């Protein structure tokens, strides 16, 4: 019985966090109230406070749980022990696959985490740094020279620059999907613009 109650609590919490992510992404953290969150979740405000003491804690939970997902994703790919280039390709593909179904969580992560207090913001940032470090290792494994010059993290950040802002322009009804983006991003990273057509099945880009 206790296990069933715990599972129900976790399911309810996850549903609330998903709704909170949608509201924060749509309205912004400061413009979203606990009353609006409760209404969107279909629960009373007292029940909502059972899951978070305030909306800042809810924001932290949204961002922190999303980072846990990304950290776990890195661990999963690393456990496959693929050759260096295949490993990097898999990381890029799996992250973009996750981004495709987590628009709200991703928008909250890149736009709203700055509103958190120092301690929770740093907890999220520590996990972000761990993910960047994993990508930097993957880049260095493909081309050790970038690490020798201290550029492995720089290249990893350039890679995230290509991936992290796709939610601002990649449209669901557009000519490209997130699945299409993985080989395109990989081709640009490994071979520059010359690598795009060889890696990607489309010859056009979205307007």
N, C-alpha and C. Protein backbone atom coordinates (compact mmCIF):
# COMPACT_ATOMS: atom_id res chain seq x y z
N UNK A 1 0.83 -1.21 0.00
CA UNK A 1 0.00 0.00 0.00
C UNK A 1 0.87 1.26 0.00
N UNK A 2 1.93 1.26 0.84
CA UNK A 2 2.82 2.42 0.91
C UNK A 2 3.49 2.66 -0.43
N UNK A 3 3.87 1.55 -1.09
CA UNK A 3 4.52 1.68 -2.39
C UNK A 3 3.56 2.26 -3.42
N UNK A 4 2.30 1.86 -3.36
CA UNK A 4 1.29 2.40 -4.28
C UNK A 4 1.09 3.89 -4.06
N UNK A 5 1.03 4.30 -2.78
CA UNK A 5 0.88 5.72 -2.47
C UNK A 5 2.07 6.52 -2.97
N UNK A 6 3.28 5.96 -2.80
CA UNK A 6 4.48 6.65 -3.26
C UNK A 6 4.47 6.80 -4.77
N UNK A 7 4.05 5.75 -5.47
CA UNK A 7 3.99 5.82 -6.93
C UNK A 7 2.97 6.86 -7.39
N UNK A 8 1.83 6.89 -6.71
CA UNK A 8 0.80 7.87 -7.05
C UNK A 8 1.30 9.29 -6.80
N UNK A 9 2.00 9.47 -5.68
CA UNK A 9 2.56 10.79 -5.35
C UNK A 9 3.55 11.22 -6.43
N UNK A 10 4.42 10.31 -6.85
CA UNK A 10 5.41 10.64 -7.88
C UNK A 10 4.74 10.97 -9.21
N UNK A 11 3.71 10.22 -9.56
CA UNK A 11 2.99 10.48 -10.81
C UNK A 11 2.33 11.86 -10.77
N UNK A 12 1.71 12.17 -9.63
CA UNK A 12 1.06 13.48 -9.48
C UNK A 12 2.10 14.60 -9.54
N UNK A 13 3.21 14.39 -8.88
CA UNK A 13 4.28 15.40 -8.87
C UNK A 13 4.81 15.62 -10.29
N UNK A 14 5.05 14.55 -11.02
CA UNK A 14 5.56 14.68 -12.38
C UNK A 14 4.56 15.40 -13.28
N UNK A 15 3.27 15.11 -13.09
CA UNK A 15 2.24 15.78 -13.88
C UNK A 15 2.21 17.28 -13.56
N UNK A 16 2.35 17.61 -12.28
CA UNK A 16 2.36 19.01 -11.87
C UNK A 16 3.58 19.73 -12.44
N UNK A 17 4.73 19.08 -12.39
CA UNK A 17 5.94 19.70 -12.91
C UNK A 17 5.85 19.92 -14.42
N UNK A 18 5.23 18.99 -15.12
CA UNK A 18 5.06 19.14 -16.57
C UNK A 18 4.18 20.35 -16.88
N UNK A 19 3.09 20.50 -16.12
CA UNK A 19 2.22 21.66 -16.32
C UNK A 19 2.93 22.95 -15.94
N UNK A 20 3.70 22.89 -14.87
CA UNK A 20 4.45 24.08 -14.45
C UNK A 20 5.45 24.49 -15.54
N UNK A 21 6.11 23.50 -16.13
CA UNK A 21 7.06 23.79 -17.21
C UNK A 21 6.36 24.48 -18.37
N UNK A 22 5.16 24.01 -18.71
CA UNK A 22 4.40 24.60 -19.82
C UNK A 22 4.06 26.06 -19.52
N UNK A 23 3.60 26.32 -18.29
CA UNK A 23 3.23 27.70 -17.93
C UNK A 23 4.44 28.61 -17.87
N UNK A 24 5.52 28.15 -17.24
CA UNK A 24 6.72 28.98 -17.17
C UNK A 24 7.24 29.29 -18.57
N UNK A 25 7.23 28.28 -19.44
CA UNK A 25 7.72 28.47 -20.81
C UNK A 25 6.84 29.44 -21.58
N UNK A 26 5.54 29.36 -21.35
CA UNK A 26 4.59 30.18 -22.10
C UNK A 26 4.47 31.61 -21.57
N UNK A 27 4.40 31.74 -20.24
CA UNK A 27 4.13 33.05 -19.64
C UNK A 27 5.36 33.71 -19.03
N UNK A 28 6.38 32.90 -18.74
CA UNK A 28 7.53 33.40 -18.01
C UNK A 28 7.37 33.15 -16.52
N UNK A 29 8.48 32.99 -15.82
CA UNK A 29 8.43 32.66 -14.40
C UNK A 29 7.72 33.73 -13.58
N UNK A 30 8.10 34.99 -13.76
CA UNK A 30 7.54 36.05 -12.92
C UNK A 30 6.06 36.29 -13.20
N UNK A 31 5.62 36.03 -14.41
CA UNK A 31 4.22 36.28 -14.77
C UNK A 31 3.30 35.12 -14.42
N UNK A 32 3.86 34.05 -13.87
CA UNK A 32 3.06 32.88 -13.51
C UNK A 32 2.83 32.85 -12.00
N UNK A 33 1.60 32.72 -11.59
CA UNK A 33 1.27 32.68 -10.16
C UNK A 33 0.97 31.26 -9.71
N UNK A 34 1.02 31.04 -8.41
CA UNK A 34 0.66 29.73 -7.87
C UNK A 34 -0.81 29.42 -8.16
N UNK A 35 -1.66 30.44 -8.16
CA UNK A 35 -3.07 30.21 -8.48
C UNK A 35 -3.23 29.70 -9.91
N UNK A 36 -2.47 30.29 -10.83
CA UNK A 36 -2.52 29.83 -12.22
C UNK A 36 -1.98 28.41 -12.35
N UNK A 37 -0.93 28.12 -11.61
CA UNK A 37 -0.37 26.78 -11.63
C UNK A 37 -1.37 25.76 -11.10
N UNK A 38 -2.03 26.09 -10.00
CA UNK A 38 -3.02 25.18 -9.43
C UNK A 38 -4.16 24.94 -10.40
N UNK A 39 -4.64 26.02 -11.04
CA UNK A 39 -5.74 25.88 -12.00
C UNK A 39 -5.34 25.02 -13.18
N UNK A 40 -4.12 25.24 -13.70
CA UNK A 40 -3.66 24.47 -14.85
C UNK A 40 -3.48 23.00 -14.51
N UNK A 41 -3.11 22.73 -13.26
CA UNK A 41 -2.89 21.35 -12.83
C UNK A 41 -4.18 20.67 -12.39
N UNK A 42 -5.24 21.46 -12.24
CA UNK A 42 -6.51 20.89 -11.79
C UNK A 42 -6.50 20.47 -10.34
N UNK A 43 -5.72 21.20 -9.52
CA UNK A 43 -5.66 20.90 -8.09
C UNK A 43 -5.88 22.20 -7.31
N UNK A 44 -6.13 22.07 -6.03
CA UNK A 44 -6.28 23.24 -5.18
C UNK A 44 -4.90 23.81 -4.83
N UNK A 45 -4.87 25.08 -4.44
CA UNK A 45 -3.60 25.66 -4.02
C UNK A 45 -3.01 24.96 -2.81
N UNK A 46 -3.83 24.60 -1.80
CA UNK A 46 -3.25 23.86 -0.67
C UNK A 46 -2.59 22.56 -1.10
N UNK A 47 -3.19 21.85 -2.05
CA UNK A 47 -2.58 20.61 -2.52
C UNK A 47 -1.29 20.91 -3.28
N UNK A 48 -1.29 21.98 -4.04
CA UNK A 48 -0.09 22.36 -4.79
C UNK A 48 1.07 22.63 -3.84
N UNK A 49 0.77 23.27 -2.71
CA UNK A 49 1.82 23.56 -1.73
C UNK A 49 2.33 22.29 -1.05
N UNK A 50 1.61 21.20 -1.21
CA UNK A 50 2.09 19.92 -0.71
C UNK A 50 3.28 19.43 -1.53
N UNK A 51 3.36 19.88 -2.78
CA UNK A 51 4.43 19.45 -3.68
C UNK A 51 5.56 20.47 -3.80
N UNK A 52 5.29 21.73 -3.47
CA UNK A 52 6.32 22.76 -3.54
C UNK A 52 5.92 23.92 -2.63
N UNK A 53 6.88 24.45 -1.89
CA UNK A 53 6.56 25.52 -0.94
C UNK A 53 6.27 26.85 -1.64
N UNK A 54 6.81 27.02 -2.85
CA UNK A 54 6.54 28.23 -3.63
C UNK A 54 6.90 27.95 -5.09
N UNK A 55 6.67 28.94 -5.94
CA UNK A 55 6.90 28.68 -7.37
C UNK A 55 8.39 28.62 -7.70
N UNK A 56 9.24 29.22 -6.86
CA UNK A 56 10.68 29.11 -7.08
C UNK A 56 11.14 27.67 -6.89
N UNK A 57 10.59 27.01 -5.87
CA UNK A 57 10.92 25.60 -5.66
C UNK A 57 10.42 24.76 -6.83
N UNK A 58 9.27 25.13 -7.37
CA UNK A 58 8.73 24.41 -8.51
C UNK A 58 9.62 24.62 -9.74
N UNK A 59 10.08 25.85 -9.94
CA UNK A 59 10.99 26.14 -11.04
C UNK A 59 12.26 25.31 -10.90
N UNK A 60 12.80 25.27 -9.70
CA UNK A 60 14.00 24.47 -9.46
C UNK A 60 13.74 23.00 -9.78
N UNK A 61 12.61 22.47 -9.34
CA UNK A 61 12.30 21.06 -9.58
C UNK A 61 12.18 20.76 -11.06
N UNK A 62 11.58 21.69 -11.82
CA UNK A 62 11.46 21.50 -13.27
C UNK A 62 12.85 21.43 -13.90
N UNK A 63 13.70 22.41 -13.59
CA UNK A 63 15.03 22.48 -14.20
C UNK A 63 15.93 21.35 -13.72
N UNK A 64 15.89 21.07 -12.42
CA UNK A 64 16.78 20.05 -11.86
C UNK A 64 16.41 18.65 -12.36
N UNK A 65 15.12 18.36 -12.43
CA UNK A 65 14.71 17.04 -12.91
C UNK A 65 15.03 16.88 -14.40
N UNK A 66 14.92 17.96 -15.16
CA UNK A 66 15.28 17.89 -16.58
C UNK A 66 16.78 17.66 -16.73
N UNK A 67 17.59 18.32 -15.91
CA UNK A 67 19.03 18.07 -15.96
C UNK A 67 19.35 16.64 -15.55
N UNK A 68 18.61 16.09 -14.59
CA UNK A 68 18.81 14.68 -14.23
C UNK A 68 18.58 13.78 -15.44
N UNK A 69 17.56 14.11 -16.23
CA UNK A 69 17.28 13.34 -17.44
C UNK A 69 18.46 13.40 -18.40
N UNK A 70 19.04 14.59 -18.58
CA UNK A 70 20.16 14.74 -19.50
C UNK A 70 21.43 14.06 -18.97
N UNK A 71 21.66 14.14 -17.67
CA UNK A 71 22.81 13.46 -17.07
C UNK A 71 22.66 11.95 -17.23
N UNK A 72 21.46 11.44 -16.99
CA UNK A 72 21.21 10.00 -17.17
C UNK A 72 21.42 9.60 -18.62
N UNK A 73 21.05 10.47 -19.53
CA UNK A 73 21.21 10.20 -20.95
C UNK A 73 22.69 10.07 -21.31
N UNK A 74 23.51 10.96 -20.77
CA UNK A 74 24.96 10.86 -20.97
C UNK A 74 25.47 9.53 -20.45
N UNK A 75 25.03 9.14 -19.26
CA UNK A 75 25.48 7.88 -18.67
C UNK A 75 25.08 6.69 -19.53
N UNK A 76 23.87 6.73 -20.08
CA UNK A 76 23.40 5.64 -20.93
C UNK A 76 24.28 5.50 -22.17
N UNK A 77 24.56 6.62 -22.81
CA UNK A 77 25.38 6.58 -24.03
C UNK A 77 26.80 6.14 -23.70
N UNK A 78 27.36 6.64 -22.61
CA UNK A 78 28.71 6.25 -22.23
C UNK A 78 28.80 4.76 -21.92
N UNK A 79 27.73 4.19 -21.38
CA UNK A 79 27.73 2.76 -21.05
C UNK A 79 27.78 1.88 -22.29
N UNK A 80 27.44 2.44 -23.46
CA UNK A 80 27.48 1.67 -24.70
C UNK A 80 28.90 1.46 -25.20
N UNK A 81 29.85 2.25 -24.70
CA UNK A 81 31.27 2.11 -25.05
C UNK A 81 31.49 2.05 -26.56
N UNK A 82 30.93 3.00 -27.27
CA UNK A 82 31.06 3.07 -28.72
C UNK A 82 32.42 3.66 -29.12
N UNK A 83 32.85 3.42 -30.35
CA UNK A 83 34.05 4.11 -30.85
C UNK A 83 33.83 5.62 -30.80
N UNK A 84 34.91 6.42 -30.74
CA UNK A 84 34.78 7.87 -30.50
C UNK A 84 33.78 8.60 -31.39
N UNK A 85 33.87 8.45 -32.71
CA UNK A 85 32.96 9.21 -33.57
C UNK A 85 31.53 8.73 -33.42
N UNK A 86 31.34 7.41 -33.31
CA UNK A 86 29.99 6.88 -33.12
C UNK A 86 29.40 7.35 -31.79
N UNK A 87 30.26 7.45 -30.78
CA UNK A 87 29.82 7.92 -29.47
C UNK A 87 29.33 9.37 -29.55
N UNK A 88 30.10 10.22 -30.22
CA UNK A 88 29.71 11.62 -30.36
C UNK A 88 28.41 11.74 -31.16
N UNK A 89 28.31 10.98 -32.21
CA UNK A 89 27.08 11.00 -33.01
C UNK A 89 25.88 10.58 -32.18
N UNK A 90 26.06 9.56 -31.35
CA UNK A 90 24.96 9.06 -30.53
C UNK A 90 24.55 10.11 -29.49
N UNK A 91 25.52 10.75 -28.88
CA UNK A 91 25.20 11.81 -27.91
C UNK A 91 24.35 12.90 -28.56
N UNK A 92 24.79 13.37 -29.71
CA UNK A 92 24.06 14.44 -30.40
C UNK A 92 22.65 13.99 -30.75
N UNK A 93 22.54 12.78 -31.30
CA UNK A 93 21.23 12.27 -31.71
C UNK A 93 20.29 12.10 -30.52
N UNK A 94 20.81 11.54 -29.42
CA UNK A 94 19.96 11.30 -28.25
C UNK A 94 19.52 12.61 -27.59
N UNK A 95 20.41 13.59 -27.56
CA UNK A 95 20.02 14.88 -26.96
C UNK A 95 18.96 15.57 -27.80
N UNK A 96 19.14 15.59 -29.10
CA UNK A 96 18.13 16.23 -29.95
C UNK A 96 16.82 15.47 -29.91
N UNK A 97 16.89 14.17 -29.78
CA UNK A 97 15.68 13.35 -29.63
C UNK A 97 14.94 13.76 -28.35
N UNK A 98 15.68 14.00 -27.29
CA UNK A 98 15.07 14.42 -26.02
C UNK A 98 14.52 15.84 -26.14
N UNK A 99 15.27 16.73 -26.77
CA UNK A 99 14.80 18.10 -26.94
C UNK A 99 13.47 18.15 -27.68
N UNK A 100 13.28 17.21 -28.62
CA UNK A 100 12.07 17.22 -29.45
C UNK A 100 10.80 17.06 -28.63
N UNK A 101 10.89 16.39 -27.50
CA UNK A 101 9.69 16.13 -26.69
C UNK A 101 9.71 16.87 -25.36
N UNK A 102 10.64 17.81 -25.22
CA UNK A 102 10.77 18.52 -23.94
C UNK A 102 10.94 20.02 -24.16
N UNK A 103 10.16 20.57 -25.11
CA UNK A 103 10.30 21.99 -25.43
C UNK A 103 10.14 22.88 -24.21
N UNK A 104 9.10 22.64 -23.42
CA UNK A 104 8.83 23.50 -22.27
C UNK A 104 9.94 23.41 -21.24
N UNK A 105 10.34 22.18 -20.90
CA UNK A 105 11.41 22.01 -19.93
C UNK A 105 12.70 22.67 -20.42
N UNK A 106 12.98 22.51 -21.70
CA UNK A 106 14.21 23.07 -22.25
C UNK A 106 14.18 24.59 -22.23
N UNK A 107 13.04 25.17 -22.59
CA UNK A 107 12.92 26.63 -22.57
C UNK A 107 13.10 27.16 -21.15
N UNK A 108 12.52 26.48 -20.18
CA UNK A 108 12.67 26.88 -18.78
C UNK A 108 14.14 26.83 -18.37
N UNK A 109 14.83 25.77 -18.79
CA UNK A 109 16.23 25.61 -18.42
C UNK A 109 17.09 26.75 -18.96
N UNK A 110 16.89 27.12 -20.20
CA UNK A 110 17.77 28.13 -20.80
C UNK A 110 17.32 29.57 -20.51
N UNK A 111 16.06 29.77 -20.12
CA UNK A 111 15.57 31.13 -19.95
C UNK A 111 15.23 31.53 -18.51
N UNK A 112 14.84 30.59 -17.68
CA UNK A 112 14.29 30.96 -16.38
C UNK A 112 15.14 30.58 -15.17
N UNK A 113 16.13 29.73 -15.35
CA UNK A 113 16.93 29.29 -14.20
C UNK A 113 17.63 30.47 -13.53
N UNK A 114 17.91 31.51 -14.28
CA UNK A 114 18.58 32.69 -13.70
C UNK A 114 17.77 33.33 -12.58
N UNK A 115 16.48 33.02 -12.51
CA UNK A 115 15.63 33.61 -11.47
C UNK A 115 15.76 32.88 -10.13
N UNK A 116 16.45 31.76 -10.11
CA UNK A 116 16.62 31.00 -8.87
C UNK A 116 17.64 31.67 -7.97
N UNK A 117 17.54 31.39 -6.68
CA UNK A 117 18.56 31.84 -5.74
C UNK A 117 19.88 31.12 -6.03
N UNK A 118 20.95 31.61 -5.44
CA UNK A 118 22.29 31.13 -5.76
C UNK A 118 22.46 29.62 -5.58
N UNK A 119 22.06 29.09 -4.42
CA UNK A 119 22.31 27.67 -4.15
C UNK A 119 21.60 26.74 -5.13
N UNK A 120 20.28 26.86 -5.33
CA UNK A 120 19.64 25.99 -6.30
C UNK A 120 20.12 26.23 -7.73
N UNK A 121 20.43 27.48 -8.05
CA UNK A 121 20.94 27.78 -9.40
C UNK A 121 22.27 27.07 -9.63
N UNK A 122 23.11 27.05 -8.61
CA UNK A 122 24.40 26.38 -8.74
C UNK A 122 24.25 24.86 -8.84
N UNK A 123 23.24 24.32 -8.16
CA UNK A 123 23.01 22.87 -8.25
C UNK A 123 22.67 22.48 -9.68
N UNK A 124 21.82 23.28 -10.32
CA UNK A 124 21.49 23.03 -11.72
C UNK A 124 22.72 23.25 -12.59
N UNK A 125 23.47 24.31 -12.32
CA UNK A 125 24.66 24.63 -13.11
C UNK A 125 25.71 23.54 -13.01
N UNK A 126 25.85 22.93 -11.84
CA UNK A 126 26.82 21.84 -11.67
C UNK A 126 26.49 20.68 -12.60
N UNK A 127 25.22 20.38 -12.74
CA UNK A 127 24.81 19.29 -13.64
C UNK A 127 25.02 19.69 -15.10
N UNK A 128 24.77 20.97 -15.40
CA UNK A 128 25.04 21.46 -16.76
C UNK A 128 26.52 21.33 -17.09
N UNK A 129 27.38 21.67 -16.13
CA UNK A 129 28.82 21.57 -16.36
C UNK A 129 29.23 20.12 -16.56
N UNK A 130 28.60 19.20 -15.85
CA UNK A 130 28.92 17.78 -16.01
C UNK A 130 28.56 17.30 -17.42
N UNK A 131 27.44 17.78 -17.94
CA UNK A 131 27.03 17.40 -19.29
C UNK A 131 27.98 18.00 -20.32
N UNK A 132 28.34 19.27 -20.15
CA UNK A 132 29.29 19.90 -21.08
C UNK A 132 30.62 19.17 -21.04
N UNK A 133 31.07 18.77 -19.85
CA UNK A 133 32.33 18.04 -19.72
C UNK A 133 32.27 16.71 -20.47
N UNK A 134 31.12 16.05 -20.43
CA UNK A 134 30.97 14.78 -21.14
C UNK A 134 31.08 14.99 -22.64
N UNK A 135 30.46 16.05 -23.14
CA UNK A 135 30.57 16.36 -24.57
C UNK A 135 31.99 16.77 -24.93
N UNK A 136 32.66 17.50 -24.04
CA UNK A 136 34.05 17.89 -24.30
C UNK A 136 34.94 16.66 -24.40
N UNK A 137 34.71 15.68 -23.54
CA UNK A 137 35.47 14.43 -23.61
C UNK A 137 35.21 13.72 -24.93
N UNK A 138 33.95 13.74 -25.35
CA UNK A 138 33.59 13.07 -26.60
C UNK A 138 34.26 13.75 -27.79
N UNK A 139 34.29 15.07 -27.78
CA UNK A 139 34.95 15.83 -28.85
C UNK A 139 36.45 15.52 -28.86
N UNK A 140 37.07 15.53 -27.69
CA UNK A 140 38.50 15.27 -27.58
C UNK A 140 38.86 13.85 -28.02
N UNK A 141 37.96 12.91 -27.79
CA UNK A 141 38.22 11.54 -28.21
C UNK A 141 38.23 11.42 -29.73
N UNK A 142 37.42 12.23 -30.40
CA UNK A 142 37.40 12.23 -31.86
C UNK A 142 38.63 12.96 -32.42
N UNK A 143 38.98 14.08 -31.82
CA UNK A 143 40.13 14.88 -32.27
C UNK A 143 40.93 15.34 -31.05
N UNK A 144 41.93 14.51 -30.64
CA UNK A 144 42.70 14.84 -29.43
C UNK A 144 43.37 16.21 -29.49
N UNK A 145 43.63 16.71 -30.69
CA UNK A 145 44.30 18.00 -30.82
C UNK A 145 43.55 19.14 -30.17
N UNK A 146 42.23 19.07 -30.15
CA UNK A 146 41.47 20.16 -29.54
C UNK A 146 41.70 20.21 -28.04
N UNK A 147 41.89 19.05 -27.44
CA UNK A 147 42.18 19.01 -26.01
C UNK A 147 43.59 19.52 -25.73
N UNK A 148 44.53 19.16 -26.61
CA UNK A 148 45.91 19.62 -26.45
C UNK A 148 45.99 21.14 -26.45
N UNK A 149 45.11 21.78 -27.20
CA UNK A 149 45.09 23.23 -27.29
C UNK A 149 44.11 23.87 -26.30
N UNK A 150 43.49 23.04 -25.47
CA UNK A 150 42.53 23.55 -24.49
C UNK A 150 41.23 24.02 -25.10
N UNK A 151 40.87 23.44 -26.25
CA UNK A 151 39.67 23.88 -26.95
C UNK A 151 38.51 22.89 -26.88
N UNK A 152 38.68 21.80 -26.15
CA UNK A 152 37.63 20.78 -26.12
C UNK A 152 36.32 21.32 -25.55
N UNK A 153 36.41 22.08 -24.47
CA UNK A 153 35.19 22.66 -23.89
C UNK A 153 34.61 23.73 -24.81
N UNK A 154 35.48 24.50 -25.46
CA UNK A 154 35.02 25.54 -26.38
C UNK A 154 34.22 24.92 -27.52
N UNK A 155 34.76 23.84 -28.09
CA UNK A 155 34.05 23.16 -29.19
C UNK A 155 32.73 22.58 -28.68
N UNK A 156 32.74 22.04 -27.46
CA UNK A 156 31.50 21.50 -26.89
C UNK A 156 30.46 22.60 -26.73
N UNK A 157 30.88 23.78 -26.31
CA UNK A 157 29.94 24.89 -26.16
C UNK A 157 29.42 25.37 -27.51
N UNK A 158 30.28 25.35 -28.53
CA UNK A 158 29.82 25.68 -29.89
C UNK A 158 28.77 24.68 -30.33
N UNK A 159 29.00 23.41 -30.02
CA UNK A 159 28.03 22.37 -30.35
C UNK A 159 26.69 22.62 -29.66
N UNK A 160 26.73 22.96 -28.37
CA UNK A 160 25.48 23.25 -27.66
C UNK A 160 24.82 24.51 -28.21
N UNK A 161 25.63 25.44 -28.72
CA UNK A 161 25.05 26.61 -29.36
C UNK A 161 24.21 26.23 -30.57
N UNK A 162 24.62 25.20 -31.29
CA UNK A 162 23.84 24.73 -32.43
C UNK A 162 22.58 24.00 -31.99
N UNK A 163 22.68 23.25 -30.90
CA UNK A 163 21.56 22.40 -30.49
C UNK A 163 20.55 23.09 -29.59
N UNK A 164 21.03 23.89 -28.65
CA UNK A 164 20.17 24.33 -27.55
C UNK A 164 19.10 25.34 -27.93
N UNK A 165 19.28 26.03 -29.04
CA UNK A 165 18.31 27.07 -29.40
C UNK A 165 17.40 26.66 -30.54
N UNK A 166 17.42 25.39 -30.90
CA UNK A 166 16.54 24.93 -31.97
C UNK A 166 15.08 25.16 -31.63
N UNK A 167 14.74 25.18 -30.35
CA UNK A 167 13.33 25.37 -29.97
C UNK A 167 12.80 26.73 -30.39
N UNK A 168 13.69 27.68 -30.69
CA UNK A 168 13.24 29.01 -31.07
C UNK A 168 12.88 29.12 -32.55
N UNK A 169 13.33 28.14 -33.36
CA UNK A 169 13.06 28.26 -34.80
C UNK A 169 12.65 26.97 -35.49
N UNK A 170 12.93 25.82 -34.92
CA UNK A 170 12.61 24.55 -35.58
C UNK A 170 11.13 24.25 -35.39
N UNK A 171 10.37 24.34 -36.44
CA UNK A 171 8.92 24.22 -36.37
C UNK A 171 8.46 22.78 -36.62
N UNK A 172 7.42 22.38 -35.92
CA UNK A 172 6.90 21.02 -36.05
C UNK A 172 6.42 20.73 -37.47
N UNK A 173 5.91 21.74 -38.16
CA UNK A 173 5.40 21.55 -39.52
C UNK A 173 6.39 22.04 -40.57
N UNK A 174 7.64 22.25 -40.19
CA UNK A 174 8.66 22.74 -41.12
C UNK A 174 9.32 21.62 -41.90
N UNK A 175 10.29 21.96 -42.75
CA UNK A 175 10.95 20.97 -43.60
C UNK A 175 11.93 20.07 -42.86
N UNK A 176 12.34 20.45 -41.65
CA UNK A 176 13.29 19.66 -40.88
C UNK A 176 12.66 19.20 -39.57
N UNK A 177 13.06 18.01 -39.13
CA UNK A 177 12.66 17.50 -37.83
C UNK A 177 13.90 17.45 -36.93
N UNK A 178 13.69 17.18 -35.66
CA UNK A 178 14.83 17.00 -34.76
C UNK A 178 15.66 15.80 -35.19
N UNK A 179 15.02 14.79 -35.72
CA UNK A 179 15.75 13.62 -36.22
C UNK A 179 16.65 14.03 -37.39
N UNK A 180 16.15 14.91 -38.24
CA UNK A 180 16.96 15.41 -39.36
C UNK A 180 18.14 16.24 -38.86
N UNK A 181 17.93 16.95 -37.76
CA UNK A 181 18.95 17.87 -37.27
C UNK A 181 20.20 17.16 -36.78
N UNK A 182 20.07 15.95 -36.25
CA UNK A 182 21.22 15.26 -35.67
C UNK A 182 22.35 15.08 -36.67
N UNK A 183 22.11 14.48 -37.86
CA UNK A 183 23.21 14.36 -38.82
C UNK A 183 23.68 15.70 -39.36
N UNK A 184 22.78 16.68 -39.44
CA UNK A 184 23.17 18.00 -39.93
C UNK A 184 24.14 18.66 -38.95
N UNK A 185 23.80 18.64 -37.68
CA UNK A 185 24.67 19.21 -36.65
C UNK A 185 26.00 18.47 -36.61
N UNK A 186 25.94 17.14 -36.67
CA UNK A 186 27.17 16.34 -36.64
C UNK A 186 28.05 16.66 -37.84
N UNK A 187 27.45 16.78 -39.02
CA UNK A 187 28.22 17.09 -40.22
C UNK A 187 28.92 18.43 -40.13
N UNK A 188 28.21 19.44 -39.63
CA UNK A 188 28.82 20.77 -39.48
C UNK A 188 29.95 20.73 -38.46
N UNK A 189 29.74 20.02 -37.36
CA UNK A 189 30.76 19.94 -36.32
C UNK A 189 32.03 19.25 -36.82
N UNK A 190 31.86 18.13 -37.51
CA UNK A 190 33.02 17.34 -37.92
C UNK A 190 33.67 17.84 -39.20
N UNK A 191 32.86 18.39 -40.13
CA UNK A 191 33.39 18.72 -41.45
C UNK A 191 33.06 20.13 -41.93
N UNK A 192 32.48 20.96 -41.07
CA UNK A 192 32.12 22.30 -41.49
C UNK A 192 30.96 22.28 -42.48
N UNK A 193 30.78 23.38 -43.17
CA UNK A 193 29.68 23.48 -44.13
C UNK A 193 29.81 22.41 -45.21
N UNK A 194 31.04 22.03 -45.55
CA UNK A 194 31.24 21.00 -46.57
C UNK A 194 30.65 19.66 -46.16
N UNK A 195 30.44 19.48 -44.85
CA UNK A 195 29.90 18.20 -44.39
C UNK A 195 28.39 18.13 -44.35
N UNK A 196 27.72 19.23 -44.63
CA UNK A 196 26.27 19.23 -44.44
C UNK A 196 25.53 18.36 -45.45
N UNK A 197 25.87 18.46 -46.72
CA UNK A 197 25.13 17.72 -47.73
C UNK A 197 25.43 16.23 -47.66
N UNK A 198 26.65 15.89 -47.29
CA UNK A 198 26.98 14.48 -47.18
C UNK A 198 26.30 13.81 -46.00
N UNK A 199 26.04 14.58 -44.95
CA UNK A 199 25.45 14.03 -43.74
C UNK A 199 23.93 14.07 -43.77
N UNK A 200 23.38 15.01 -44.52
CA UNK A 200 21.96 15.29 -44.39
C UNK A 200 21.22 15.02 -45.69
N UNK A 201 20.03 14.48 -45.57
CA UNK A 201 19.29 14.04 -46.75
C UNK A 201 18.59 15.18 -47.46
N UNK A 202 18.48 16.36 -46.81
CA UNK A 202 17.79 17.49 -47.42
C UNK A 202 18.81 18.48 -47.97
N UNK A 203 18.48 19.13 -49.07
CA UNK A 203 19.33 20.16 -49.64
C UNK A 203 18.81 21.56 -49.35
N UNK A 204 17.70 21.65 -48.61
CA UNK A 204 17.13 22.95 -48.28
C UNK A 204 17.12 23.16 -46.78
N UNK A 205 17.04 24.41 -46.39
CA UNK A 205 16.98 24.75 -44.97
C UNK A 205 15.74 25.58 -44.74
N UNK A 206 15.24 25.62 -43.50
CA UNK A 206 14.02 26.38 -43.24
C UNK A 206 14.26 27.87 -43.40
N UNK A 207 13.20 28.56 -43.84
CA UNK A 207 13.31 30.02 -44.00
C UNK A 207 13.29 30.68 -42.64
